[in-house]
């Protein structure tokens, strides 16, 4: 199958449209982390503060990891986002 120049340009345009800018990536990561925090509070792994953020000292990172791994299996979160979030939790506790 031969691809024309116009088709190639369209393919490249579509692929580039899926790439996020650094600002969009950070906003998406922060939104995903907020969703994960809310999910962990709802599951009872962590308690939340008045702003809906987790109180790190009230939860266990290993339990949070297990709960979020189950959520990844259900398709609720992306695996990479969960890894970044769990890494952040480890650093907060250390």
PDB file of N, CA and C in Angstrom:
ATOM      1  N   UNK A   1       0.836  -1.174   0.000  1.00  0.00           N
ATOM      2  CA  UNK A   1       0.000   0.000   0.000  1.00  0.00           C
ATOM      3  C   UNK A   1       0.881   1.237   0.000  1.00  0.00           C
ATOM      4  N   UNK A   2       0.586   2.129  -0.886  1.00  0.00           N
ATOM      5  CA  UNK A   2       1.361   3.343  -1.003  1.00  0.00           C
ATOM      6  C   UNK A   2       0.597   4.493  -0.335  1.00  0.00           C
ATOM      7  N   UNK A   3       1.307   5.287   0.466  1.00  0.00           N
ATOM      8  CA  UNK A   3       0.702   6.425   1.156  1.00  0.00           C
ATOM      9  C   UNK A   3       1.066   7.697   0.401  1.00  0.00           C
ATOM     10  N   UNK A   4       0.049   8.486   0.113  1.00  0.00           N
ATOM     11  CA  UNK A   4       0.297   9.742  -0.576  1.00  0.00           C
ATOM     12  C   UNK A   4       0.842  10.775   0.415  1.00  0.00           C
ATOM     13  N   UNK A   5       1.388  11.824  -0.144  1.00  0.00           N
ATOM     14  CA  UNK A   5       1.937  12.897   0.678  1.00  0.00           C
ATOM     15  C   UNK A   5       0.844  13.520   1.545  1.00  0.00           C
ATOM     16  N   UNK A   6      -0.341  13.713   1.005  1.00  0.00           N
ATOM     17  CA  UNK A   6      -1.466  14.290   1.756  1.00  0.00           C
ATOM     18  C   UNK A   6      -1.883  13.370   2.902  1.00  0.00           C
ATOM     19  N   UNK A   7      -1.909  12.061   2.643  1.00  0.00           N
ATOM     20  CA  UNK A   7      -2.260  11.110   3.692  1.00  0.00           C
ATOM     21  C   UNK A   7      -1.219  11.119   4.800  1.00  0.00           C
ATOM     22  N   UNK A   8       0.050  11.194   4.421  1.00  0.00           N
ATOM     23  CA  UNK A   8       1.121  11.230   5.400  1.00  0.00           C
ATOM     24  C   UNK A   8       1.019  12.484   6.274  1.00  0.00           C
ATOM     25  N   UNK A   9       0.752  13.620   5.647  1.00  0.00           N
ATOM     26  CA  UNK A   9       0.575  14.865   6.405  1.00  0.00           C
ATOM     27  C   UNK A   9      -0.585  14.745   7.383  1.00  0.00           C
ATOM     28  N   UNK A  10      -1.680  14.115   6.957  1.00  0.00           N
ATOM     29  CA  UNK A  10      -2.843  13.938   7.828  1.00  0.00           C
ATOM     30  C   UNK A  10      -2.507  13.028   9.008  1.00  0.00           C
ATOM     31  N   UNK A  11      -1.783  11.972   8.756  1.00  0.00           N
ATOM     32  CA  UNK A  11      -1.374  11.051   9.825  1.00  0.00           C
ATOM     33  C   UNK A  11      -0.509  11.785  10.844  1.00  0.00           C
ATOM     34  N   UNK A  12       0.460  12.550  10.364  1.00  0.00           N
ATOM     35  CA  UNK A  12       1.346  13.303  11.255  1.00  0.00           C
ATOM     36  C   UNK A  12       0.547  14.327  12.050  1.00  0.00           C
ATOM     37  N   UNK A  13      -0.381  15.016  11.396  1.00  0.00           N
ATOM     38  CA  UNK A  13      -1.213  16.018  12.063  1.00  0.00           C
ATOM     39  C   UNK A  13      -2.033  15.377  13.179  1.00  0.00           C
ATOM     40  N   UNK A  14      -2.618  14.211  12.919  1.00  0.00           N
ATOM     41  CA  UNK A  14      -3.418  13.513  13.929  1.00  0.00           C
ATOM     42  C   UNK A  14      -2.559  13.062  15.103  1.00  0.00           C
ATOM     43  N   UNK A  15      -1.376  12.553  14.820  1.00  0.00           N
ATOM     44  CA  UNK A  15      -0.479  12.100  15.895  1.00  0.00           C
ATOM     45  C   UNK A  15      -0.027  13.275  16.765  1.00  0.00           C
ATOM     46  N   UNK A  16       0.312  14.390  16.137  1.00  0.00           N
ATOM     47  CA  UNK A  16       0.765  15.558  16.888  1.00  0.00           C
ATOM     48  C   UNK A  16      -0.359  16.174  17.714  1.00  0.00           C
ATOM     49  N   UNK A  17      -1.588  16.044  17.258  1.00  0.00           N
ATOM     50  CA  UNK A  17      -2.713  16.614  18.003  1.00  0.00           C
ATOM     51  C   UNK A  17      -2.932  15.874  19.321  1.00  0.00           C
ATOM     52  N   UNK A  18      -2.454  14.639  19.423  1.00  0.00           N
ATOM     53  CA  UNK A  18      -2.603  13.856  20.643  1.00  0.00           C
ATOM     54  C   UNK A  18      -1.515  14.158  21.670  1.00  0.00           C
ATOM     55  N   UNK A  19      -0.460  14.848  21.267  1.00  0.00           N
ATOM     56  CA  UNK A  19       0.639  15.162  22.164  1.00  0.00           C
ATOM     57  C   UNK A  19       0.256  16.378  23.000  1.00  0.00           C
ATOM     58  N   UNK A  20       0.419  16.258  24.324  1.00  0.00           N
ATOM     59  CA  UNK A  20       0.080  17.357  25.216  1.00  0.00           C
ATOM     60  C   UNK A  20       1.273  18.278  25.410  1.00  0.00           C
ATOM     61  N   UNK A  21       0.956  19.534  25.614  1.00  0.00           N
ATOM     62  CA  UNK A  21       2.005  20.479  25.991  1.00  0.00           C
ATOM     63  C   UNK A  21       2.375  20.205  27.446  1.00  0.00           C
ATOM     64  N   UNK A  22       3.538  20.676  27.893  1.00  0.00           N
ATOM     65  CA  UNK A  22       3.908  20.466  29.297  1.00  0.00           C
ATOM     66  C   UNK A  22       2.853  21.009  30.261  1.00  0.00           C
ATOM     67  N   UNK A  23       2.273  22.148  29.947  1.00  0.00           N
ATOM     68  CA  UNK A  23       1.247  22.736  30.818  1.00  0.00           C
ATOM     69  C   UNK A  23       0.010  21.837  30.876  1.00  0.00           C
ATOM     70  N   UNK A  24      -0.406  21.312  29.722  1.00  0.00           N
ATOM     71  CA  UNK A  24      -1.565  20.412  29.686  1.00  0.00           C
ATOM     72  C   UNK A  24      -1.273  19.119  30.445  1.00  0.00           C
ATOM     73  N   UNK A  25      -0.047  18.620  30.310  1.00  0.00           N
ATOM     74  CA  UNK A  25       0.335  17.386  31.001  1.00  0.00           C
ATOM     75  C   UNK A  25       0.273  17.569  32.512  1.00  0.00           C
ATOM     76  N   UNK A  26       0.815  18.676  33.013  1.00  0.00           N
ATOM     77  CA  UNK A  26       0.816  18.943  34.451  1.00  0.00           C
ATOM     78  C   UNK A  26      -0.613  19.083  34.959  1.00  0.00           C
ATOM     79  N   UNK A  27      -1.447  19.789  34.227  1.00  0.00           N
ATOM     80  CA  UNK A  27      -2.850  19.953  34.624  1.00  0.00           C
ATOM     81  C   UNK A  27      -3.570  18.602  34.648  1.00  0.00           C
ATOM     82  N   UNK A  28      -3.298  17.766  33.658  1.00  0.00           N
ATOM     83  CA  UNK A  28      -3.922  16.445  33.604  1.00  0.00           C
ATOM     84  C   UNK A  28      -3.446  15.570  34.758  1.00  0.00           C
ATOM     85  N   UNK A  29      -2.152  15.637  35.085  1.00  0.00           N
ATOM     86  CA  UNK A  29      -1.602  14.851  36.189  1.00  0.00           C
ATOM     87  C   UNK A  29      -2.201  15.312  37.509  1.00  0.00           C
ATOM     88  N   UNK A  30      -2.320  16.621  37.713  1.00  0.00           N
ATOM     89  CA  UNK A  30      -2.906  17.143  38.948  1.00  0.00           C
ATOM     90  C   UNK A  30      -4.371  16.729  39.078  1.00  0.00           C
ATOM     91  N   UNK A  31      -5.100  16.760  37.978  1.00  0.00           N
ATOM     92  CA  UNK A  31      -6.505  16.339  37.998  1.00  0.00           C
ATOM     93  C   UNK A  31      -6.621  14.854  38.331  1.00  0.00           C
ATOM     94  N   UNK A  32      -5.741  14.048  37.748  1.00  0.00           N
ATOM     95  CA  UNK A  32      -5.748  12.605  38.033  1.00  0.00           C
ATOM     96  C   UNK A  32      -5.415  12.341  39.494  1.00  0.00           C
ATOM     97  N   UNK A  33      -4.439  13.072  40.048  1.00  0.00           N
ATOM     98  CA  UNK A  33      -4.074  12.891  41.453  1.00  0.00           C
ATOM     99  C   UNK A  33      -5.216  13.291  42.375  1.00  0.00           C
ATOM    100  N   UNK A  34      -5.929  14.353  42.048  1.00  0.00           N
ATOM    101  CA  UNK A  34      -7.086  14.773  42.845  1.00  0.00           C
ATOM    102  C   UNK A  34      -8.157  13.689  42.813  1.00  0.00           C
ATOM    103  N   UNK A  35      -8.398  13.103  41.636  1.00  0.00           N
ATOM    104  CA  UNK A  35      -9.372  12.017  41.519  1.00  0.00           C
ATOM    105  C   UNK A  35      -8.946  10.810  42.353  1.00  0.00           C
ATOM    106  N   UNK A  36      -7.642  10.492  42.338  1.00  0.00           N
ATOM    107  CA  UNK A  36      -7.146   9.360  43.119  1.00  0.00           C
ATOM    108  C   UNK A  36      -7.293   9.632  44.607  1.00  0.00           C
ATOM    109  N   UNK A  37      -7.001  10.871  45.032  1.00  0.00           N
ATOM    110  CA  UNK A  37      -7.172  11.218  46.444  1.00  0.00           C
ATOM    111  C   UNK A  37      -8.628  11.052  46.865  1.00  0.00           C
ATOM    112  N   UNK A  38      -9.540  11.548  46.052  1.00  0.00           N
ATOM    113  CA  UNK A  38     -10.970  11.419  46.349  1.00  0.00           C
ATOM    114  C   UNK A  38     -11.373   9.952  46.406  1.00  0.00           C
ATOM    115  N   UNK A  39     -10.866   9.165  45.483  1.00  0.00           N
ATOM    116  CA  UNK A  39     -11.163   7.731  45.446  1.00  0.00           C
ATOM    117  C   UNK A  39     -10.662   7.047  46.726  1.00  0.00           C
ATOM    118  N   UNK A  40      -9.445   7.380  47.152  1.00  0.00           N
ATOM    119  CA  UNK A  40      -8.888   6.763  48.369  1.00  0.00           C
ATOM    120  C   UNK A  40      -9.653   7.187  49.618  1.00  0.00           C
ATOM    121  N   UNK A  41     -10.132   8.419  49.649  1.00  0.00           N
ATOM    122  CA  UNK A  41     -10.937   8.883  50.781  1.00  0.00           C
ATOM    123  C   UNK A  41     -12.263   8.122  50.803  1.00  0.00           C
ATOM    124  N   UNK A  42     -12.893   7.982  49.636  1.00  0.00           N
ATOM    125  CA  UNK A  42     -14.166   7.259  49.547  1.00  0.00           C
ATOM    126  C   UNK A  42     -14.021   5.798  49.937  1.00  0.00           C
ATOM    127  N   UNK A  43     -12.882   5.195  49.608  1.00  0.00           N
ATOM    128  CA  UNK A  43     -12.644   3.784  49.953  1.00  0.00           C
ATOM    129  C   UNK A  43     -12.234   3.609  51.412  1.00  0.00           C
ATOM    130  N   UNK A  44     -11.999   4.715  52.129  1.00  0.00           N
ATOM    131  CA  UNK A  44     -11.650   4.648  53.545  1.00  0.00           C
ATOM    132  C   UNK A  44     -10.182   4.400  53.822  1.00  0.00           C
ATOM    133  N   UNK A  45      -9.339   4.489  52.794  1.00  0.00           N
ATOM    134  CA  UNK A  45      -7.910   4.282  52.988  1.00  0.00           C
ATOM    135  C   UNK A  45      -7.292   5.493  53.675  1.00  0.00           C
ATOM    136  N   UNK A  46      -7.765   6.672  53.298  1.00  0.00           N
ATOM    137  CA  UNK A  46      -7.271   7.924  53.872  1.00  0.00           C
ATOM    138  C   UNK A  46      -8.439   8.761  54.357  1.00  0.00           C
ATOM    139  N   UNK A  47      -8.154   9.665  55.259  1.00  0.00           N
ATOM    140  CA  UNK A  47      -9.129  10.663  55.667  1.00  0.00           C
ATOM    141  C   UNK A  47      -8.786  11.938  54.932  1.00  0.00           C
ATOM    142  N   UNK A  48      -9.799  12.771  54.703  1.00  0.00           N
ATOM    143  CA  UNK A  48      -9.575  14.011  53.972  1.00  0.00           C
ATOM    144  C   UNK A  48      -9.597  15.222  54.870  1.00  0.00           C
ATOM    145  N   UNK A  49      -8.960  16.285  54.412  1.00  0.00           N
ATOM    146  CA  UNK A  49      -9.042  17.549  55.136  1.00  0.00           C
ATOM    147  C   UNK A  49     -10.240  18.339  54.600  1.00  0.00           C
ATOM    148  N   UNK A  50     -10.404  19.563  55.040  1.00  0.00           N
ATOM    149  CA  UNK A  50     -11.556  20.372  54.627  1.00  0.00           C
ATOM    150  C   UNK A  50     -11.581  20.645  53.132  1.00  0.00           C
ATOM    151  N   UNK A  51     -10.435  20.625  52.493  1.00  0.00           N
ATOM    152  CA  UNK A  51     -10.351  20.896  51.060  1.00  0.00           C
ATOM    153  C   UNK A  51     -10.480  19.634  50.210  1.00  0.00           C
ATOM    154  N   UNK A  52     -10.733  18.506  50.854  1.00  0.00           N
ATOM    155  CA  UNK A  52     -10.858  17.259  50.109  1.00  0.00           C
ATOM    156  C   UNK A  52      -9.531  16.624  49.761  1.00  0.00           C
ATOM    157  N   UNK A  53      -8.441  17.141  50.333  1.00  0.00           N
ATOM    158  CA  UNK A  53      -7.119  16.564  50.105  1.00  0.00           C
ATOM    159  C   UNK A  53      -6.869  15.512  51.187  1.00  0.00           C
ATOM    160  N   UNK A  54      -6.042  14.541  50.881  1.00  0.00           N
ATOM    161  CA  UNK A  54      -5.788  13.477  51.852  1.00  0.00           C
ATOM    162  C   UNK A  54      -4.852  13.953  52.949  1.00  0.00           C
ATOM    163  N   UNK A  55      -5.032  13.355  54.108  1.00  0.00           N
ATOM    164  CA  UNK A  55      -4.097  13.563  55.210  1.00  0.00           C
ATOM    165  C   UNK A  55      -3.172  12.357  55.182  1.00  0.00           C
ATOM    166  N   UNK A  56      -1.967  12.546  54.740  1.00  0.00           N
ATOM    167  CA  UNK A  56      -1.039  11.446  54.477  1.00  0.00           C
ATOM    168  C   UNK A  56      -0.766  10.613  55.715  1.00  0.00           C
ATOM    169  N   UNK A  57      -0.751  11.206  56.873  1.00  0.00           N
ATOM    170  CA  UNK A  57      -0.401  10.449  58.069  1.00  0.00           C
ATOM    171  C   UNK A  57      -1.521   9.500  58.508  1.00  0.00           C
ATOM    172  N   UNK A  58      -2.714   9.605  57.924  1.00  0.00           N
ATOM    173  CA  UNK A  58      -3.814   8.742  58.339  1.00  0.00           C
ATOM    174  C   UNK A  58      -3.960   7.506  57.470  1.00  0.00           C
ATOM    175  N   UNK A  59      -3.142   7.360  56.472  1.00  0.00           N
ATOM    176  CA  UNK A  59      -3.268   6.216  55.577  1.00  0.00           C
ATOM    177  C   UNK A  59      -1.968   5.464  55.430  1.00  0.00           C
ATOM    178  N   UNK A  60      -2.050   4.341  54.773  1.00  0.00           N
ATOM    179  CA  UNK A  60      -0.881   3.502  54.541  1.00  0.00           C
ATOM    180  C   UNK A  60      -0.625   3.477  53.037  1.00  0.00           C
ATOM    181  N   UNK A  61       0.603   3.728  52.636  1.00  0.00           N
ATOM    182  CA  UNK A  61       0.931   3.796  51.213  1.00  0.00           C
ATOM    183  C   UNK A  61       0.709   2.443  50.535  1.00  0.00           C
ATOM    184  N   UNK A  62       1.078   1.364  51.180  1.00  0.00           N
ATOM    185  CA  UNK A  62       0.898   0.036  50.588  1.00  0.00           C
ATOM    186  C   UNK A  62      -0.561  -0.280  50.316  1.00  0.00           C
ATOM    187  N   UNK A  63      -1.419   0.074  51.246  1.00  0.00           N
ATOM    188  CA  UNK A  63      -2.854  -0.158  51.060  1.00  0.00           C
ATOM    189  C   UNK A  63      -3.390   0.719  49.928  1.00  0.00           C
ATOM    190  N   UNK A  64      -2.929   1.962  49.883  1.00  0.00           N
ATOM    191  CA  UNK A  64      -3.337   2.865  48.810  1.00  0.00           C
ATOM    192  C   UNK A  64      -2.912   2.295  47.461  1.00  0.00           C
ATOM    193  N   UNK A  65      -1.709   1.745  47.400  1.00  0.00           N
ATOM    194  CA  UNK A  65      -1.203   1.156  46.160  1.00  0.00           C
ATOM    195  C   UNK A  65      -2.079  -0.017  45.725  1.00  0.00           C
ATOM    196  N   UNK A  66      -2.462  -0.865  46.667  1.00  0.00           N
ATOM    197  CA  UNK A  66      -3.314  -2.011  46.340  1.00  0.00           C
ATOM    198  C   UNK A  66      -4.678  -1.566  45.810  1.00  0.00           C
ATOM    199  N   UNK A  67      -5.273  -0.580  46.497  1.00  0.00           N
ATOM    200  CA  UNK A  67      -6.586  -0.082  46.088  1.00  0.00           C
ATOM    201  C   UNK A  67      -6.510   0.546  44.697  1.00  0.00           C
ATOM    202  N   UNK A  68      -5.464   1.329  44.441  1.00  0.00           N
ATOM    203  CA  UNK A  68      -5.329   1.975  43.136  1.00  0.00           C
ATOM    204  C   UNK A  68      -4.978   0.971  42.032  1.00  0.00           C
ATOM    205  N   UNK A  69      -4.240  -0.088  42.372  1.00  0.00           N
ATOM    206  CA  UNK A  69      -3.974  -1.140  41.384  1.00  0.00           C
ATOM    207  C   UNK A  69      -5.277  -1.795  40.940  1.00  0.00           C
ATOM    208  N   UNK A  70      -6.184  -2.006  41.907  1.00  0.00           N
ATOM    209  CA  UNK A  70      -7.500  -2.549  41.562  1.00  0.00           C
ATOM    210  C   UNK A  70      -8.268  -1.576  40.673  1.00  0.00           C
ATOM    211  N   UNK A  71      -8.138  -0.277  40.957  1.00  0.00           N
ATOM    212  CA  UNK A  71      -8.817   0.744  40.156  1.00  0.00           C
ATOM    213  C   UNK A  71      -8.260   0.779  38.730  1.00  0.00           C
ATOM    214  N   UNK A  72      -6.954   0.550  38.588  1.00  0.00           N
ATOM    215  CA  UNK A  72      -6.341   0.490  37.256  1.00  0.00           C
ATOM    216  C   UNK A  72      -6.915  -0.706  36.491  1.00  0.00           C
ATOM    217  N   UNK A  73      -7.041  -1.836  37.180  1.00  0.00           N
ATOM    218  CA  UNK A  73      -7.589  -3.033  36.541  1.00  0.00           C
ATOM    219  C   UNK A  73      -9.032  -2.806  36.081  1.00  0.00           C
ATOM    220  N   UNK A  74      -9.769  -1.957  36.800  1.00  0.00           N
ATOM    221  CA  UNK A  74     -11.149  -1.633  36.433  1.00  0.00           C
ATOM    222  C   UNK A  74     -11.213  -0.542  35.362  1.00  0.00           C
ATOM    223  N   UNK A  75     -10.050   0.038  35.024  1.00  0.00           N
ATOM    224  CA  UNK A  75     -10.009   1.074  34.001  1.00  0.00           C
ATOM    225  C   UNK A  75     -10.320   2.473  34.513  1.00  0.00           C
ATOM    226  N   UNK A  76     -10.279   2.665  35.840  1.00  0.00           N
ATOM    227  CA  UNK A  76     -10.596   3.976  36.402  1.00  0.00           C
ATOM    228  C   UNK A  76      -9.439   4.967  36.276  1.00  0.00           C
ATOM    229  N   UNK A  77      -8.208   4.465  36.346  1.00  0.00           N
ATOM    230  CA  UNK A  77      -7.025   5.309  36.274  1.00  0.00           C
ATOM    231  C   UNK A  77      -5.992   4.661  35.363  1.00  0.00           C
ATOM    232  N   UNK A  78      -5.079   5.487  34.858  1.00  0.00           N
ATOM    233  CA  UNK A  78      -3.976   4.977  34.048  1.00  0.00           C
ATOM    234  C   UNK A  78      -2.856   4.505  34.972  1.00  0.00           C
ATOM    235  N   UNK A  79      -2.203   3.433  34.573  1.00  0.00           N
ATOM    236  CA  UNK A  79      -1.159   2.836  35.405  1.00  0.00           C
ATOM    237  C   UNK A  79      -0.019   3.825  35.691  1.00  0.00           C
ATOM    238  N   UNK A  80       0.399   4.579  34.686  1.00  0.00           N
ATOM    239  CA  UNK A  80       1.493   5.533  34.878  1.00  0.00           C
ATOM    240  C   UNK A  80       1.111   6.609  35.892  1.00  0.00           C
ATOM    241  N   UNK A  81      -0.135   7.124  35.812  1.00  0.00           N
ATOM    242  CA  UNK A  81      -0.585   8.138  36.761  1.00  0.00           C
ATOM    243  C   UNK A  81      -0.566   7.601  38.188  1.00  0.00           C
ATOM    244  N   UNK A  82      -0.955   6.342  38.363  1.00  0.00           N
ATOM    245  CA  UNK A  82      -0.945   5.729  39.690  1.00  0.00           C
ATOM    246  C   UNK A  82       0.494   5.592  40.193  1.00  0.00           C
ATOM    247  N   UNK A  83       1.409   5.188  39.324  1.00  0.00           N
ATOM    248  CA  UNK A  83       2.813   5.049  39.748  1.00  0.00           C
ATOM    249  C   UNK A  83       3.371   6.390  40.223  1.00  0.00           C
ATOM    250  N   UNK A  84       3.087   7.463  39.493  1.00  0.00           N
ATOM    251  CA  UNK A  84       3.557   8.793  39.874  1.00  0.00           C
ATOM    252  C   UNK A  84       2.948   9.199  41.214  1.00  0.00           C
ATOM    253  N   UNK A  85       1.669   8.937  41.393  1.00  0.00           N
ATOM    254  CA  UNK A  85       0.976   9.298  42.629  1.00  0.00           C
ATOM    255  C   UNK A  85       1.534   8.523  43.823  1.00  0.00           C
ATOM    256  N   UNK A  86       1.724   7.226  43.667  1.00  0.00           N
ATOM    257  CA  UNK A  86       2.256   6.399  44.762  1.00  0.00           C
ATOM    258  C   UNK A  86       3.681   6.830  45.105  1.00  0.00           C
ATOM    259  N   UNK A  87       4.476   7.176  44.100  1.00  0.00           N
ATOM    260  CA  UNK A  87       5.821   7.680  44.340  1.00  0.00           C
ATOM    261  C   UNK A  87       5.769   8.957  45.186  1.00  0.00           C
ATOM    262  N   UNK A  88       4.833   9.846  44.867  1.00  0.00           N
ATOM    263  CA  UNK A  88       4.665  11.085  45.628  1.00  0.00           C
ATOM    264  C   UNK A  88       4.272  10.780  47.077  1.00  0.00           C
ATOM    265  N   UNK A  89       3.389   9.798  47.267  1.00  0.00           N
ATOM    266  CA  UNK A  89       2.999   9.413  48.628  1.00  0.00           C
ATOM    267  C   UNK A  89       4.203   8.890  49.415  1.00  0.00           C
ATOM    268  N   UNK A  90       5.021   8.071  48.764  1.00  0.00           N
ATOM    269  CA  UNK A  90       6.226   7.549  49.438  1.00  0.00           C
ATOM    270  C   UNK A  90       7.134   8.684  49.877  1.00  0.00           C
ATOM    271  N   UNK A  91       7.326   9.666  49.009  1.00  0.00           N
ATOM    272  CA  UNK A  91       8.194  10.800  49.359  1.00  0.00           C
ATOM    273  C   UNK A  91       7.606  11.635  50.497  1.00  0.00           C
ATOM    274  N   UNK A  92       6.267  11.725  50.550  1.00  0.00           N
ATOM    275  CA  UNK A  92       5.630  12.500  51.612  1.00  0.00           C
ATOM    276  C   UNK A  92       5.811  11.827  52.969  1.00  0.00           C
ATOM    277  N   UNK A  93       5.833  10.504  52.978  1.00  0.00           N
ATOM    278  CA  UNK A  93       5.953   9.761  54.230  1.00  0.00           C
ATOM    279  C   UNK A  93       7.386   9.679  54.691  1.00  0.00           C
ATOM    280  N   UNK A  94       8.325   9.598  53.743  1.00  0.00           N
ATOM    281  CA  UNK A  94       9.746   9.427  54.085  1.00  0.00           C
ATOM    282  C   UNK A  94      10.330  10.631  54.758  1.00  0.00           C
TER     283      UNK A  94
END
